[in-house]
């Protein structure tokens, strides 16, 4: 048993690990909203630049939605095992 294993198995090490996991899960909502905003703003910009009026906005919205769902999936995947 190495020093790293001892630190992971100690009560303090487990508490720090749990706090890191909690922080990662707590940031899910923020990362979802940011991905959605970036996609929507990018689509709106395309509308303004090329005159694609609702298509760029909706395209960007759905790309941002897909990116947000992907972020949530990859973070929660390791906790669902």
N, C-alpha and C. Protein backbone atom coordinates (compact mmCIF):
# COMPACT_ATOMS: atom_id res chain seq x y z
N UNK A 1 0.85 -1.18 0.00
CA UNK A 1 0.00 0.00 0.00
C UNK A 1 0.89 1.24 0.00
N UNK A 2 0.71 2.07 -1.03
CA UNK A 2 1.51 3.27 -1.14
C UNK A 2 0.88 4.43 -0.39
N UNK A 3 1.60 5.51 -0.37
CA UNK A 3 1.13 6.71 0.32
C UNK A 3 -0.13 7.27 -0.33
N UNK A 4 -0.22 7.20 -1.68
CA UNK A 4 -1.41 7.70 -2.37
C UNK A 4 -2.64 6.86 -2.02
N UNK A 5 -2.46 5.54 -1.92
CA UNK A 5 -3.58 4.68 -1.54
C UNK A 5 -4.05 4.98 -0.13
N UNK A 6 -3.09 5.25 0.75
CA UNK A 6 -3.45 5.58 2.13
C UNK A 6 -4.25 6.89 2.17
N UNK A 7 -3.84 7.87 1.37
CA UNK A 7 -4.53 9.15 1.36
C UNK A 7 -5.94 9.01 0.79
N UNK A 8 -6.11 8.17 -0.22
CA UNK A 8 -7.44 7.97 -0.80
C UNK A 8 -8.38 7.26 0.16
N UNK A 9 -7.84 6.34 0.95
CA UNK A 9 -8.67 5.55 1.84
C UNK A 9 -8.89 6.20 3.20
N UNK A 10 -8.22 7.28 3.48
CA UNK A 10 -8.42 7.95 4.75
C UNK A 10 -9.74 8.72 4.71
N UNK A 11 -10.34 8.99 5.86
CA UNK A 11 -11.61 9.75 5.87
C UNK A 11 -11.47 11.12 5.22
N UNK A 12 -10.36 11.80 5.44
CA UNK A 12 -10.18 13.12 4.84
C UNK A 12 -10.04 13.00 3.33
N UNK A 13 -9.32 12.00 2.85
CA UNK A 13 -9.16 11.80 1.41
C UNK A 13 -10.48 11.47 0.74
N UNK A 14 -11.31 10.67 1.40
CA UNK A 14 -12.62 10.35 0.85
C UNK A 14 -13.52 11.57 0.82
N UNK A 15 -13.43 12.40 1.86
CA UNK A 15 -14.25 13.61 1.92
C UNK A 15 -13.83 14.59 0.81
N UNK A 16 -12.53 14.74 0.58
CA UNK A 16 -12.05 15.62 -0.49
C UNK A 16 -12.47 15.10 -1.86
N UNK A 17 -12.42 13.79 -2.03
CA UNK A 17 -12.84 13.19 -3.29
C UNK A 17 -14.32 13.43 -3.52
N UNK A 18 -15.12 13.28 -2.47
CA UNK A 18 -16.56 13.49 -2.59
C UNK A 18 -16.87 14.96 -2.89
N UNK A 19 -16.12 15.88 -2.29
CA UNK A 19 -16.35 17.31 -2.54
C UNK A 19 -16.00 17.67 -3.98
N UNK A 20 -14.93 17.06 -4.52
CA UNK A 20 -14.57 17.30 -5.91
C UNK A 20 -15.64 16.79 -6.85
N UNK A 21 -16.18 15.61 -6.55
CA UNK A 21 -17.25 15.05 -7.37
C UNK A 21 -18.51 15.91 -7.28
N UNK A 22 -18.82 16.39 -6.11
CA UNK A 22 -19.99 17.24 -5.92
C UNK A 22 -19.83 18.55 -6.70
N UNK A 23 -18.64 19.11 -6.69
CA UNK A 23 -18.40 20.33 -7.44
C UNK A 23 -18.54 20.11 -8.94
N UNK A 24 -18.07 18.96 -9.41
CA UNK A 24 -18.18 18.66 -10.83
C UNK A 24 -19.64 18.49 -11.25
N UNK A 25 -20.43 17.81 -10.44
CA UNK A 25 -21.84 17.62 -10.75
C UNK A 25 -22.60 18.94 -10.61
N UNK A 26 -22.23 19.76 -9.66
CA UNK A 26 -22.92 21.03 -9.46
C UNK A 26 -22.69 21.99 -10.63
N UNK A 27 -21.59 21.83 -11.34
CA UNK A 27 -21.30 22.72 -12.47
C UNK A 27 -22.01 22.29 -13.75
N UNK A 28 -22.74 21.19 -13.71
CA UNK A 28 -23.43 20.71 -14.90
C UNK A 28 -24.43 21.71 -15.46
N UNK A 29 -25.22 22.31 -14.61
CA UNK A 29 -26.23 23.26 -15.07
C UNK A 29 -25.59 24.45 -15.75
N UNK A 30 -24.51 24.94 -15.17
CA UNK A 30 -23.82 26.08 -15.75
C UNK A 30 -23.23 25.73 -17.12
N UNK A 31 -22.60 24.57 -17.23
CA UNK A 31 -22.02 24.18 -18.52
C UNK A 31 -23.10 23.96 -19.57
N UNK A 32 -24.26 23.47 -19.15
CA UNK A 32 -25.36 23.27 -20.09
C UNK A 32 -25.86 24.62 -20.62
N UNK A 33 -26.06 25.56 -19.72
CA UNK A 33 -26.56 26.88 -20.11
C UNK A 33 -25.54 27.61 -20.98
N UNK A 34 -24.28 27.51 -20.66
CA UNK A 34 -23.25 28.18 -21.45
C UNK A 34 -23.19 27.60 -22.86
N UNK A 35 -23.26 26.28 -23.00
CA UNK A 35 -23.26 25.67 -24.33
C UNK A 35 -24.47 26.12 -25.13
N UNK A 36 -25.61 26.19 -24.49
CA UNK A 36 -26.84 26.63 -25.15
C UNK A 36 -26.72 28.10 -25.58
N UNK A 37 -26.17 28.94 -24.73
CA UNK A 37 -26.00 30.35 -25.06
C UNK A 37 -25.02 30.56 -26.20
N UNK A 38 -23.91 29.84 -26.19
CA UNK A 38 -22.91 29.99 -27.26
C UNK A 38 -23.52 29.59 -28.60
N UNK A 39 -24.23 28.48 -28.64
CA UNK A 39 -24.86 28.05 -29.88
C UNK A 39 -25.91 29.03 -30.36
N UNK A 40 -26.73 29.52 -29.46
CA UNK A 40 -27.79 30.45 -29.84
C UNK A 40 -27.23 31.79 -30.31
N UNK A 41 -26.25 32.30 -29.60
CA UNK A 41 -25.64 33.57 -30.00
C UNK A 41 -24.91 33.41 -31.33
N UNK A 42 -24.24 32.27 -31.53
CA UNK A 42 -23.59 32.02 -32.81
C UNK A 42 -24.59 31.96 -33.96
N UNK A 43 -25.71 31.31 -33.74
CA UNK A 43 -26.76 31.25 -34.75
C UNK A 43 -27.36 32.61 -35.03
N UNK A 44 -27.57 33.40 -33.98
CA UNK A 44 -28.09 34.75 -34.16
C UNK A 44 -27.12 35.59 -34.97
N UNK A 45 -25.81 35.43 -34.69
CA UNK A 45 -24.79 36.16 -35.43
C UNK A 45 -24.82 35.78 -36.91
N UNK A 46 -24.99 34.50 -37.20
CA UNK A 46 -25.10 34.06 -38.60
C UNK A 46 -26.32 34.67 -39.27
N UNK A 47 -27.41 34.77 -38.53
CA UNK A 47 -28.61 35.44 -39.06
C UNK A 47 -28.30 36.88 -39.45
N UNK A 48 -27.61 37.59 -38.59
CA UNK A 48 -27.29 38.99 -38.84
C UNK A 48 -26.30 39.15 -39.99
N UNK A 49 -25.33 38.25 -40.06
CA UNK A 49 -24.27 38.35 -41.05
C UNK A 49 -24.74 37.97 -42.45
N UNK A 50 -25.51 36.88 -42.56
CA UNK A 50 -25.87 36.35 -43.87
C UNK A 50 -27.36 36.48 -44.20
N UNK A 51 -28.15 36.99 -43.27
CA UNK A 51 -29.58 37.19 -43.52
C UNK A 51 -30.38 35.89 -43.59
N UNK A 52 -29.99 34.91 -42.76
CA UNK A 52 -30.66 33.60 -42.77
C UNK A 52 -31.86 33.59 -41.82
N UNK A 53 -32.46 34.62 -41.54
CA UNK A 53 -33.38 34.88 -40.44
C UNK A 53 -33.97 33.70 -39.74
N UNK A 54 -34.73 32.95 -39.57
CA UNK A 54 -34.77 32.16 -38.33
C UNK A 54 -33.88 30.92 -38.34
N UNK A 55 -33.30 30.58 -39.51
CA UNK A 55 -32.61 29.29 -39.61
C UNK A 55 -31.30 29.24 -38.82
N UNK A 56 -30.53 30.31 -38.87
CA UNK A 56 -29.29 30.34 -38.10
C UNK A 56 -29.55 30.27 -36.60
N UNK A 57 -30.54 31.02 -36.16
CA UNK A 57 -30.88 31.03 -34.73
C UNK A 57 -31.27 29.64 -34.25
N UNK A 58 -32.20 29.02 -34.98
CA UNK A 58 -32.66 27.70 -34.55
C UNK A 58 -31.58 26.63 -34.72
N UNK A 59 -30.80 26.75 -35.76
CA UNK A 59 -29.68 25.81 -35.94
C UNK A 59 -28.68 25.92 -34.81
N UNK A 60 -28.32 27.16 -34.45
CA UNK A 60 -27.40 27.38 -33.34
C UNK A 60 -27.98 26.91 -32.02
N UNK A 61 -29.27 27.14 -31.84
CA UNK A 61 -29.93 26.69 -30.61
C UNK A 61 -29.84 25.17 -30.47
N UNK A 62 -30.14 24.45 -31.56
CA UNK A 62 -30.11 22.98 -31.47
C UNK A 62 -28.70 22.43 -31.38
N UNK A 63 -27.73 23.09 -31.99
CA UNK A 63 -26.34 22.68 -31.82
C UNK A 63 -25.90 22.90 -30.37
N UNK A 64 -26.28 24.04 -29.79
CA UNK A 64 -25.97 24.30 -28.38
C UNK A 64 -26.66 23.32 -27.45
N UNK A 65 -27.90 22.97 -27.78
CA UNK A 65 -28.63 21.98 -26.98
C UNK A 65 -27.94 20.63 -27.03
N UNK A 66 -27.50 20.23 -28.22
CA UNK A 66 -26.80 18.95 -28.35
C UNK A 66 -25.48 18.97 -27.59
N UNK A 67 -24.76 20.09 -27.65
CA UNK A 67 -23.49 20.20 -26.92
C UNK A 67 -23.72 20.15 -25.40
N UNK A 68 -24.79 20.80 -24.93
CA UNK A 68 -25.11 20.76 -23.51
C UNK A 68 -25.47 19.36 -23.04
N UNK A 69 -26.26 18.65 -23.83
CA UNK A 69 -26.62 17.28 -23.48
C UNK A 69 -25.39 16.39 -23.48
N UNK A 70 -24.50 16.61 -24.44
CA UNK A 70 -23.26 15.83 -24.51
C UNK A 70 -22.41 16.07 -23.25
N UNK A 71 -22.30 17.32 -22.81
CA UNK A 71 -21.54 17.63 -21.59
C UNK A 71 -22.13 16.91 -20.39
N UNK A 72 -23.43 16.96 -20.25
CA UNK A 72 -24.10 16.30 -19.12
C UNK A 72 -23.87 14.79 -19.18
N UNK A 73 -23.96 14.22 -20.36
CA UNK A 73 -23.77 12.77 -20.51
C UNK A 73 -22.36 12.36 -20.09
N UNK A 74 -21.34 13.08 -20.55
CA UNK A 74 -19.98 12.67 -20.25
C UNK A 74 -19.61 12.86 -18.78
N UNK A 75 -20.19 13.86 -18.12
CA UNK A 75 -19.89 14.04 -16.70
C UNK A 75 -20.63 13.01 -15.86
N UNK A 76 -21.90 12.74 -16.18
CA UNK A 76 -22.67 11.81 -15.37
C UNK A 76 -22.35 10.35 -15.68
N UNK A 77 -21.75 10.09 -16.81
CA UNK A 77 -21.46 8.70 -17.20
C UNK A 77 -20.60 7.98 -16.16
N UNK A 78 -19.61 8.66 -15.62
CA UNK A 78 -18.74 8.00 -14.66
C UNK A 78 -19.40 7.79 -13.30
N UNK A 79 -20.47 8.54 -13.01
CA UNK A 79 -21.17 8.36 -11.73
C UNK A 79 -22.28 7.33 -11.82
N UNK A 80 -22.66 6.97 -13.02
CA UNK A 80 -23.74 6.00 -13.19
C UNK A 80 -23.25 4.57 -13.26
N UNK A 81 -21.94 4.38 -13.25
CA UNK A 81 -21.37 3.02 -13.30
C UNK A 81 -21.56 2.29 -11.99
